[in-house]
Structure formats: structure tokens, C-alpha cells
N, C-alpha and C. Protein backbone atom coordinates (compact mmCIF):
# COMPACT_ATOMS: atom_id res chain seq x y z
N UNK A 1 0.84 -1.18 0.00
CA UNK A 1 0.00 0.00 0.00
C UNK A 1 0.89 1.24 0.00
N UNK A 2 0.35 2.25 -0.61
CA UNK A 2 1.12 3.49 -0.72
C UNK A 2 0.18 4.68 -0.76
N UNK A 3 0.70 5.80 -0.31
CA UNK A 3 -0.05 7.05 -0.41
C UNK A 3 0.30 7.67 -1.76
N UNK A 4 -0.71 7.96 -2.55
CA UNK A 4 -0.52 8.56 -3.87
C UNK A 4 -0.68 10.07 -3.77
N UNK A 5 -0.11 10.76 -4.73
CA UNK A 5 -0.26 12.21 -4.83
C UNK A 5 -1.66 12.51 -5.35
N UNK A 6 -2.38 13.40 -4.68
CA UNK A 6 -3.72 13.79 -5.13
C UNK A 6 -3.58 14.94 -6.12
N UNK A 7 -4.15 14.73 -7.30
CA UNK A 7 -4.13 15.72 -8.37
C UNK A 7 -5.04 16.88 -7.98
N UNK A 8 -4.58 18.08 -8.21
CA UNK A 8 -5.35 19.28 -7.85
C UNK A 8 -5.85 19.99 -9.11
N UNK A 9 -6.99 20.65 -8.95
CA UNK A 9 -7.53 21.52 -9.98
C UNK A 9 -6.50 22.61 -10.24
N UNK A 10 -6.16 23.02 -11.44
CA UNK A 10 -6.88 22.80 -12.70
C UNK A 10 -6.30 21.69 -13.58
N UNK A 11 -5.70 20.65 -13.02
CA UNK A 11 -5.12 19.58 -13.84
C UNK A 11 -6.17 19.01 -14.79
N UNK A 12 -5.80 18.86 -16.05
CA UNK A 12 -6.73 18.42 -17.10
C UNK A 12 -7.31 17.03 -16.85
N UNK A 13 -6.57 16.15 -16.17
CA UNK A 13 -7.06 14.79 -15.94
C UNK A 13 -8.38 14.82 -15.18
N UNK A 14 -8.60 15.84 -14.38
CA UNK A 14 -9.85 15.94 -13.60
C UNK A 14 -11.06 16.26 -14.47
N UNK A 15 -10.81 16.68 -15.71
CA UNK A 15 -11.90 17.09 -16.60
C UNK A 15 -12.14 16.09 -17.74
N UNK A 16 -11.53 14.92 -17.63
CA UNK A 16 -11.67 13.91 -18.67
C UNK A 16 -12.48 12.73 -18.16
N UNK A 17 -13.15 12.05 -19.09
CA UNK A 17 -13.94 10.86 -18.75
C UNK A 17 -12.99 9.68 -18.57
N UNK A 18 -13.15 8.96 -17.47
CA UNK A 18 -12.33 7.79 -17.18
C UNK A 18 -12.81 6.60 -18.02
N UNK A 19 -11.88 5.71 -18.29
CA UNK A 19 -12.18 4.53 -19.10
C UNK A 19 -12.63 3.36 -18.23
N UNK A 20 -13.54 2.56 -18.79
CA UNK A 20 -14.02 1.38 -18.09
C UNK A 20 -12.87 0.40 -17.87
N UNK A 21 -12.90 -0.27 -16.73
CA UNK A 21 -11.91 -1.31 -16.44
C UNK A 21 -12.44 -2.60 -17.07
N UNK A 22 -11.66 -3.16 -17.99
CA UNK A 22 -12.10 -4.37 -18.71
C UNK A 22 -11.51 -5.64 -18.12
N UNK A 23 -10.43 -5.51 -17.35
CA UNK A 23 -9.78 -6.67 -16.74
C UNK A 23 -9.27 -6.28 -15.37
N UNK A 24 -9.63 -7.06 -14.37
CA UNK A 24 -9.17 -6.79 -13.01
C UNK A 24 -7.85 -7.52 -12.81
N UNK A 25 -6.81 -6.73 -12.69
CA UNK A 25 -5.45 -7.26 -12.54
C UNK A 25 -4.94 -6.93 -11.13
N UNK A 26 -3.82 -7.53 -10.75
CA UNK A 26 -3.22 -7.15 -9.47
C UNK A 26 -2.91 -5.64 -9.40
N UNK A 27 -2.58 -5.02 -10.53
CA UNK A 27 -2.33 -3.57 -10.54
C UNK A 27 -3.60 -2.78 -10.22
N UNK A 28 -4.74 -3.22 -10.73
CA UNK A 28 -6.01 -2.56 -10.44
C UNK A 28 -6.33 -2.71 -8.96
N UNK A 29 -6.13 -3.91 -8.42
CA UNK A 29 -6.39 -4.15 -7.00
C UNK A 29 -5.47 -3.31 -6.11
N UNK A 30 -4.20 -3.22 -6.49
CA UNK A 30 -3.25 -2.40 -5.73
C UNK A 30 -3.64 -0.93 -5.80
N UNK A 31 -4.09 -0.47 -6.97
CA UNK A 31 -4.52 0.92 -7.11
C UNK A 31 -5.70 1.20 -6.17
N UNK A 32 -6.67 0.29 -6.10
CA UNK A 32 -7.80 0.47 -5.17
C UNK A 32 -7.31 0.57 -3.73
N UNK A 33 -6.37 -0.30 -3.37
CA UNK A 33 -5.83 -0.27 -2.00
C UNK A 33 -5.09 1.04 -1.74
N UNK A 34 -4.28 1.47 -2.71
CA UNK A 34 -3.55 2.74 -2.58
C UNK A 34 -4.51 3.92 -2.48
N UNK A 35 -5.59 3.87 -3.26
CA UNK A 35 -6.58 4.95 -3.21
C UNK A 35 -7.22 5.03 -1.82
N UNK A 36 -7.52 3.88 -1.22
CA UNK A 36 -8.11 3.89 0.12
C UNK A 36 -7.12 4.48 1.12
N UNK A 37 -5.86 4.06 1.05
CA UNK A 37 -4.84 4.60 1.94
C UNK A 37 -4.71 6.11 1.76
N UNK A 38 -4.74 6.55 0.51
CA UNK A 38 -4.60 7.98 0.20
C UNK A 38 -5.79 8.76 0.73
N UNK A 39 -7.00 8.21 0.56
CA UNK A 39 -8.21 8.87 1.05
C UNK A 39 -8.15 9.03 2.57
N UNK A 40 -7.80 7.96 3.27
CA UNK A 40 -7.74 8.03 4.73
C UNK A 40 -6.64 8.99 5.19
N UNK A 41 -5.51 8.96 4.52
CA UNK A 41 -4.40 9.85 4.88
C UNK A 41 -4.80 11.32 4.74
N UNK A 42 -5.66 11.61 3.75
CA UNK A 42 -6.10 12.99 3.50
C UNK A 42 -7.37 13.34 4.26
N UNK A 43 -7.88 12.43 5.11
CA UNK A 43 -9.10 12.63 5.88
C UNK A 43 -10.29 12.87 4.95
N UNK A 44 -10.36 12.10 3.87
CA UNK A 44 -11.46 12.23 2.92
C UNK A 44 -12.54 11.20 3.15
N UNK A 45 -13.64 11.37 2.43
CA UNK A 45 -14.77 10.46 2.49
C UNK A 45 -14.80 9.58 1.23
N UNK A 46 -14.19 10.06 0.16
CA UNK A 46 -14.17 9.31 -1.09
C UNK A 46 -13.02 9.76 -1.96
N UNK A 47 -12.68 8.92 -2.94
CA UNK A 47 -11.61 9.25 -3.88
C UNK A 47 -11.87 8.48 -5.17
N UNK A 48 -11.68 9.13 -6.29
CA UNK A 48 -11.82 8.51 -7.61
C UNK A 48 -10.44 8.44 -8.26
N UNK A 49 -10.24 7.43 -9.10
CA UNK A 49 -8.93 7.22 -9.72
C UNK A 49 -8.39 8.46 -10.46
N UNK A 50 -9.23 9.24 -11.15
CA UNK A 50 -8.68 10.45 -11.79
C UNK A 50 -8.02 11.41 -10.79
N UNK A 51 -8.43 11.36 -9.53
CA UNK A 51 -7.83 12.23 -8.52
C UNK A 51 -6.41 11.83 -8.16
N UNK A 52 -6.00 10.63 -8.57
CA UNK A 52 -4.61 10.24 -8.42
C UNK A 52 -3.95 10.10 -9.79
N UNK A 53 -4.57 10.74 -10.79
CA UNK A 53 -3.98 10.84 -12.12
C UNK A 53 -4.20 9.65 -13.03
N UNK A 54 -5.13 8.75 -12.67
CA UNK A 54 -5.38 7.54 -13.45
C UNK A 54 -6.80 7.57 -14.01
N UNK A 55 -6.93 7.54 -15.33
CA UNK A 55 -8.25 7.62 -15.97
C UNK A 55 -8.90 6.24 -16.09
N UNK A 56 -9.19 5.64 -14.94
CA UNK A 56 -9.91 4.37 -14.86
C UNK A 56 -11.13 4.57 -13.97
N UNK A 57 -12.18 3.79 -14.23
CA UNK A 57 -13.43 3.93 -13.49
C UNK A 57 -13.36 3.13 -12.18
N UNK A 58 -12.68 3.74 -11.21
CA UNK A 58 -12.49 3.15 -9.89
C UNK A 58 -12.79 4.20 -8.83
N UNK A 59 -13.50 3.79 -7.77
CA UNK A 59 -13.74 4.70 -6.65
C UNK A 59 -13.55 3.95 -5.34
N UNK A 60 -13.24 4.72 -4.31
CA UNK A 60 -13.28 4.22 -2.93
C UNK A 60 -14.09 5.23 -2.12
N UNK A 61 -14.92 4.73 -1.21
CA UNK A 61 -15.78 5.58 -0.40
C UNK A 61 -15.88 4.99 1.01
N UNK A 62 -15.79 5.86 2.01
CA UNK A 62 -16.07 5.45 3.39
C UNK A 62 -16.74 6.64 4.08
N UNK A 63 -18.06 6.54 4.22
CA UNK A 63 -18.84 7.62 4.82
C UNK A 63 -18.92 7.48 6.34
N UNK A 64 -18.17 6.55 6.91
CA UNK A 64 -18.19 6.37 8.36
C UNK A 64 -19.47 5.74 8.86
N UNK A 65 -20.14 4.97 8.00
CA UNK A 65 -21.39 4.33 8.40
C UNK A 65 -21.21 2.81 8.42
N UNK A 66 -22.33 2.09 8.50
CA UNK A 66 -22.28 0.63 8.62
C UNK A 66 -21.69 -0.06 7.38
N UNK A 67 -21.61 0.63 6.25
CA UNK A 67 -21.06 0.03 5.04
C UNK A 67 -19.53 -0.06 5.09
N UNK A 68 -18.91 0.80 5.89
CA UNK A 68 -17.45 0.80 5.97
C UNK A 68 -16.82 1.21 4.64
N UNK A 69 -15.63 0.71 4.39
CA UNK A 69 -14.90 1.04 3.16
C UNK A 69 -15.50 0.28 1.98
N UNK A 70 -15.82 1.03 0.93
CA UNK A 70 -16.35 0.43 -0.30
C UNK A 70 -15.34 0.72 -1.41
N UNK A 71 -14.86 -0.33 -2.04
CA UNK A 71 -13.98 -0.21 -3.21
C UNK A 71 -14.78 -0.73 -4.40
N UNK A 72 -14.95 0.11 -5.41
CA UNK A 72 -15.82 -0.29 -6.51
C UNK A 72 -15.19 0.00 -7.87
N UNK A 73 -15.37 -0.96 -8.76
CA UNK A 73 -14.87 -0.89 -10.13
C UNK A 73 -16.08 -0.68 -11.05
N UNK A 74 -15.95 0.25 -12.00
CA UNK A 74 -17.00 0.57 -12.97
C UNK A 74 -18.35 0.86 -12.31
N UNK A 75 -18.37 1.74 -11.31
CA UNK A 75 -19.64 2.03 -10.63
C UNK A 75 -20.61 2.80 -11.52
N UNK A 76 -21.87 2.50 -11.35
CA UNK A 76 -22.92 3.27 -12.03
C UNK A 76 -24.13 3.36 -11.12
N UNK A 77 -24.76 4.52 -11.16
CA UNK A 77 -25.98 4.72 -10.37
C UNK A 77 -27.13 4.10 -11.16
N UNK A 78 -27.82 3.15 -10.52
CA UNK A 78 -28.92 2.47 -11.21
C UNK A 78 -30.28 2.92 -10.69
N UNK A 79 -30.28 3.63 -9.56
CA UNK A 79 -31.52 4.13 -9.00
C UNK A 79 -31.22 5.32 -8.11
N UNK A 80 -32.09 6.32 -8.13
CA UNK A 80 -31.94 7.46 -7.23
C UNK A 80 -33.31 8.00 -6.87
N UNK A 81 -33.38 8.59 -5.68
CA UNK A 81 -34.65 9.20 -5.27
C UNK A 81 -34.40 10.28 -4.23
N UNK A 82 -35.37 11.15 -4.12
CA UNK A 82 -35.30 12.23 -3.14
C UNK A 82 -34.29 13.29 -3.51
N UNK A 83 -34.10 14.23 -2.59
CA UNK A 83 -33.15 15.31 -2.83
C UNK A 83 -32.53 15.76 -1.52
N UNK A 84 -31.25 16.07 -1.58
CA UNK A 84 -30.55 16.72 -0.47
C UNK A 84 -29.79 17.90 -1.05
N UNK A 85 -29.60 18.89 -0.23
CA UNK A 85 -28.88 20.09 -0.66
C UNK A 85 -27.94 20.48 0.46
N UNK A 86 -26.66 20.62 0.13
CA UNK A 86 -25.72 20.97 1.18
C UNK A 86 -24.31 21.10 0.68
N UNK A 87 -23.39 21.34 1.62
CA UNK A 87 -22.00 21.60 1.25
C UNK A 87 -21.23 20.34 0.87
N UNK A 88 -20.35 20.52 -0.09
CA UNK A 88 -19.41 19.47 -0.49
C UNK A 88 -18.04 20.09 -0.58
N UNK A 89 -17.05 19.28 -0.29
CA UNK A 89 -15.66 19.66 -0.52
C UNK A 89 -15.03 18.60 -1.39
N UNK A 90 -13.76 18.81 -1.73
CA UNK A 90 -13.08 17.87 -2.61
C UNK A 90 -11.59 17.93 -2.32
N UNK A 91 -10.97 16.76 -2.22
CA UNK A 91 -9.54 16.71 -1.96
C UNK A 91 -8.73 17.32 -3.11
N UNK A 92 -9.33 17.39 -4.30
CA UNK A 92 -8.65 17.98 -5.45
C UNK A 92 -8.86 19.49 -5.56
N UNK A 93 -9.71 20.04 -4.70
CA UNK A 93 -9.96 21.48 -4.69
C UNK A 93 -9.88 21.95 -3.24
N UNK A 94 -8.70 21.88 -2.64
CA UNK A 94 -8.58 22.22 -1.22
C UNK A 94 -8.94 23.68 -0.95
N UNK A 95 -9.59 23.88 0.20
CA UNK A 95 -9.92 25.23 0.62
C UNK A 95 -11.25 25.75 0.12
N UNK A 96 -11.97 24.93 -0.65
CA UNK A 96 -13.24 25.39 -1.23
C UNK A 96 -14.34 24.38 -0.97
N UNK A 97 -15.53 24.87 -0.78
CA UNK A 97 -16.73 24.06 -0.67
C UNK A 97 -17.76 24.65 -1.62
N UNK A 98 -18.81 23.87 -1.84
CA UNK A 98 -19.91 24.36 -2.66
C UNK A 98 -21.21 23.73 -2.21
N UNK A 99 -22.28 24.46 -2.38
CA UNK A 99 -23.61 23.94 -2.07
C UNK A 99 -24.13 23.22 -3.31
N UNK A 100 -24.35 21.91 -3.16
CA UNK A 100 -24.69 21.05 -4.29
C UNK A 100 -25.98 20.29 -4.00
N UNK A 101 -26.83 20.22 -5.00
CA UNK A 101 -28.07 19.46 -4.94
C UNK A 101 -27.80 18.05 -5.44
N UNK A 102 -28.15 17.06 -4.65
CA UNK A 102 -27.91 15.65 -4.98
C UNK A 102 -29.14 14.82 -4.62
N UNK A 103 -29.19 13.60 -5.12
CA UNK A 103 -30.24 12.66 -4.69
C UNK A 103 -29.98 12.29 -3.23
N UNK A 104 -31.03 12.09 -2.48
CA UNK A 104 -30.92 11.70 -1.06
C UNK A 104 -30.55 10.22 -0.92
N UNK A 105 -30.98 9.42 -1.90
CA UNK A 105 -30.74 7.98 -1.84
C UNK A 105 -30.35 7.50 -3.23
N UNK A 106 -29.28 6.71 -3.29
CA UNK A 106 -28.86 6.13 -4.58
C UNK A 106 -28.53 4.65 -4.39
N UNK A 107 -28.73 3.91 -5.44
CA UNK A 107 -28.25 2.53 -5.51
C UNK A 107 -27.20 2.49 -6.60
N UNK A 108 -26.04 1.98 -6.23
CA UNK A 108 -24.89 1.95 -7.14
C UNK A 108 -24.50 0.50 -7.39
N UNK A 109 -24.25 0.19 -8.67
CA UNK A 109 -23.84 -1.15 -9.05
C UNK A 109 -22.47 -1.09 -9.69
N UNK A 110 -21.63 -2.03 -9.33
CA UNK A 110 -20.30 -2.13 -9.93
C UNK A 110 -19.73 -3.49 -9.58
N UNK A 111 -18.40 -3.57 -9.60
CA UNK A 111 -17.71 -4.80 -9.24
C UNK A 111 -16.83 -4.56 -8.03
N UNK A 112 -16.66 -5.59 -7.20
CA UNK A 112 -15.71 -5.48 -6.10
C UNK A 112 -14.30 -5.79 -6.63
N UNK A 113 -13.32 -5.77 -5.78
CA UNK A 113 -11.93 -5.93 -6.23
C UNK A 113 -11.64 -7.32 -6.79
N UNK A 114 -12.55 -8.29 -6.55
CA UNK A 114 -12.38 -9.65 -7.07
C UNK A 114 -13.18 -9.87 -8.35
N UNK A 115 -13.98 -8.87 -8.76
CA UNK A 115 -14.78 -9.00 -9.98
C UNK A 115 -16.20 -9.46 -9.74
N UNK A 116 -16.61 -9.57 -8.48
CA UNK A 116 -17.99 -9.94 -8.15
C UNK A 116 -18.88 -8.71 -8.21
N UNK A 117 -20.14 -8.93 -8.64
CA UNK A 117 -21.07 -7.80 -8.68
C UNK A 117 -21.29 -7.28 -7.27
N UNK A 118 -21.31 -5.97 -7.16
CA UNK A 118 -21.52 -5.29 -5.88
C UNK A 118 -22.61 -4.26 -6.08
N UNK A 119 -23.66 -4.33 -5.27
CA UNK A 119 -24.75 -3.37 -5.32
C UNK A 119 -24.90 -2.79 -3.92
N UNK A 120 -24.82 -1.46 -3.83
CA UNK A 120 -24.90 -0.79 -2.54
C UNK A 120 -25.93 0.33 -2.63
N UNK A 121 -26.82 0.39 -1.65
CA UNK A 121 -27.77 1.49 -1.55
C UNK A 121 -27.34 2.35 -0.37
N UNK A 122 -27.23 3.65 -0.62
CA UNK A 122 -26.82 4.56 0.43
C UNK A 122 -27.70 5.79 0.47
N UNK A 123 -27.78 6.38 1.67
CA UNK A 123 -28.52 7.62 1.84
C UNK A 123 -27.58 8.66 2.45
N UNK A 124 -28.03 9.91 2.45
CA UNK A 124 -27.28 10.97 3.11
C UNK A 124 -25.87 11.12 2.58
N UNK A 125 -24.90 11.10 3.49
CA UNK A 125 -23.51 11.32 3.11
C UNK A 125 -22.99 10.26 2.15
N UNK A 126 -23.36 8.99 2.36
CA UNK A 126 -22.90 7.94 1.44
C UNK A 126 -23.45 8.19 0.04
N UNK A 127 -24.72 8.55 -0.08
CA UNK A 127 -25.30 8.84 -1.39
C UNK A 127 -24.58 10.03 -2.03
N UNK A 128 -24.31 11.05 -1.25
CA UNK A 128 -23.61 12.23 -1.76
C UNK A 128 -22.21 11.85 -2.24
N UNK A 129 -21.51 11.04 -1.45
CA UNK A 129 -20.14 10.64 -1.80
C UNK A 129 -20.14 9.81 -3.09
N UNK A 130 -21.06 8.86 -3.22
CA UNK A 130 -21.15 8.08 -4.46
C UNK A 130 -21.33 8.99 -5.67
N UNK A 131 -22.28 9.92 -5.57
CA UNK A 131 -22.56 10.81 -6.70
C UNK A 131 -21.35 11.68 -7.03
N UNK A 132 -20.69 12.19 -5.99
CA UNK A 132 -19.52 13.05 -6.15
C UNK A 132 -18.39 12.28 -6.85
N UNK A 133 -18.11 11.05 -6.39
CA UNK A 133 -17.01 10.27 -6.97
C UNK A 133 -17.32 9.81 -8.38
N UNK A 134 -18.56 9.42 -8.64
CA UNK A 134 -18.93 9.01 -10.00
C UNK A 134 -18.88 10.21 -10.94
N UNK A 135 -19.23 11.40 -10.45
CA UNK A 135 -19.04 12.61 -11.25
C UNK A 135 -17.58 12.75 -11.67
N UNK A 136 -16.64 12.49 -10.74
CA UNK A 136 -15.21 12.57 -11.07
C UNK A 136 -14.89 11.66 -12.25
N UNK A 137 -15.49 10.48 -12.30
CA UNK A 137 -15.22 9.53 -13.39
C UNK A 137 -15.70 10.07 -14.73
N UNK A 138 -16.62 11.01 -14.68
CA UNK A 138 -17.16 11.63 -15.90
C UNK A 138 -16.56 13.00 -16.17
N UNK A 139 -15.53 13.37 -15.42
CA UNK A 139 -14.85 14.65 -15.64
C UNK A 139 -15.61 15.84 -15.08
N UNK A 140 -16.52 15.59 -14.14
CA UNK A 140 -17.34 16.65 -13.55
C UNK A 140 -16.88 16.89 -12.12
N UNK A 141 -16.64 18.15 -11.77
CA UNK A 141 -16.26 18.53 -10.41
C UNK A 141 -17.44 19.19 -9.72
N UNK A 142 -17.44 19.18 -8.39
CA UNK A 142 -18.57 19.80 -7.67
C UNK A 142 -18.70 21.27 -8.02
N UNK A 143 -17.60 21.92 -8.36
CA UNK A 143 -17.65 23.35 -8.71
C UNK A 143 -18.39 23.57 -10.03
N UNK A 144 -18.51 22.53 -10.85
CA UNK A 144 -19.24 22.63 -12.12
C UNK A 144 -20.75 22.65 -11.89
N UNK A 145 -21.20 22.08 -10.78
CA UNK A 145 -22.64 21.94 -10.56
C UNK A 145 -23.15 22.62 -9.29
N UNK A 146 -22.24 23.20 -8.53
CA UNK A 146 -22.63 23.85 -7.27
C UNK A 146 -23.45 25.11 -7.54
N UNK A 147 -24.40 25.38 -6.67
CA UNK A 147 -25.19 26.60 -6.76
C UNK A 147 -24.41 27.78 -6.19
N UNK A 148 -23.47 27.46 -5.29
CA UNK A 148 -22.63 28.49 -4.68
C UNK A 148 -21.32 27.84 -4.28
N UNK A 149 -20.19 28.49 -4.56
CA UNK A 149 -18.86 27.99 -4.19
C UNK A 149 -18.23 29.03 -3.27
N UNK A 150 -17.60 28.55 -2.19
CA UNK A 150 -17.05 29.47 -1.20
C UNK A 150 -15.87 28.82 -0.48
N UNK A 151 -15.03 29.65 0.09
CA UNK A 151 -13.91 29.15 0.89
C UNK A 151 -14.45 28.61 2.20
N UNK A 152 -13.83 27.53 2.69
CA UNK A 152 -14.23 27.04 4.01
C UNK A 152 -13.16 27.41 5.02
N UNK A 153 -13.57 27.45 6.27
CA UNK A 153 -12.67 27.84 7.35
C UNK A 153 -11.76 26.67 7.69
N UNK A 154 -10.44 26.85 7.62
CA UNK A 154 -9.51 25.74 7.84
C UNK A 154 -9.65 25.06 9.20
N UNK A 155 -10.06 25.78 10.23
CA UNK A 155 -10.17 25.12 11.54
C UNK A 155 -11.41 24.22 11.64
N UNK A 156 -12.30 24.25 10.66
CA UNK A 156 -13.47 23.38 10.68
C UNK A 156 -13.11 22.10 9.90
N UNK A 157 -13.15 20.94 10.56
CA UNK A 157 -12.75 19.70 9.89
C UNK A 157 -13.61 19.41 8.67
N UNK A 158 -12.98 18.86 7.63
CA UNK A 158 -13.67 18.52 6.38
C UNK A 158 -14.86 17.61 6.64
N UNK A 159 -14.70 16.57 7.45
CA UNK A 159 -15.78 15.62 7.68
C UNK A 159 -16.98 16.33 8.32
N UNK A 160 -16.74 17.29 9.20
CA UNK A 160 -17.83 18.04 9.82
C UNK A 160 -18.60 18.80 8.76
N UNK A 161 -17.90 19.40 7.81
CA UNK A 161 -18.58 20.13 6.75
C UNK A 161 -19.43 19.20 5.90
N UNK A 162 -18.90 18.01 5.61
CA UNK A 162 -19.63 17.09 4.75
C UNK A 162 -20.82 16.46 5.44
N UNK A 163 -20.84 16.48 6.77
CA UNK A 163 -21.96 15.89 7.50
C UNK A 163 -23.08 16.90 7.79
N UNK A 164 -22.90 18.18 7.44
CA UNK A 164 -23.95 19.17 7.72
C UNK A 164 -25.16 18.94 6.88
């Protein structure tokens, strides 16, 4: 496991569509593990492969709930309902938050690190994190869809902001 460098805006890789993973190799599995280590090291809730400079459809998410760490390959939202509106931050855009409208509940389908189908339904922060990370895979940043973007106060922990 290793901590990877998190790519920061305005790096072009953040604005490109990631490619589907067609074969799960030890390198793909190691990348998922490295992404989780990197996310935890940065005190994040989620991380997408483009954020570490790799244009593959991979995400890791841990919203601090009963689902724990989720590592997903080729994730796609297959169902969504309701609405939530609130602040989001991003490890690739440090120092900024934005008020973003998202679905309150989503069901996401993809593959786990072994290639087995994985279907997860999440609400609240987990739903927000899934949508945020899948947006990254499509080259979309929260600043592209936020109704308002603003600096956040450094003494306020990121996780606290994301849980509001």
C-alpha cells in the first residue's frame, strides 16, 4: 500500500472521462488499495482514480457508516430518489466548498476488487459521496454543478462540513 499524490484543480485529468476497467489485474487491486490509503491519509470520504492521475473507473468511499470502506470498479448509479442540498468539498480542490443538490438515496452497481457484482444502496452522506465520486469519473467537479462555491474555514474539519 502506498499514499498517492492527489491531483489538484486545474489539472486536465480531472476534466476527462475515465475509461471502463475491462480486466481486473493485481495492478487494479493495488490501485484500489492505494486509493483507500490515500483517502484516509487525506481525511477524505471518497476518492476517484482520476484524482490520483489515473483515468480508470475506480472509486473508494467510506462515509463512516455501517457500510465501511467500499472499493468499486466501474460504478454506475442504477436508481436514485429524493433530494438533499448541502455543502461538499473535494480533496482535489482544497480550501473550497460548494452547495450542491444531490439525490438523497442512490443505488450503485459495480464490481468489487475480485470482480464480483456489488450493489450498494446509500442515503445521506454515502449517497452524496457516491454521486460526487462518479461525477469525477465523468470529468465533472462539484464546482461545475454547485449553486454556490465558497472558501471554508480551515479550523473546521472537512468531515464536519460534509456531514452538515
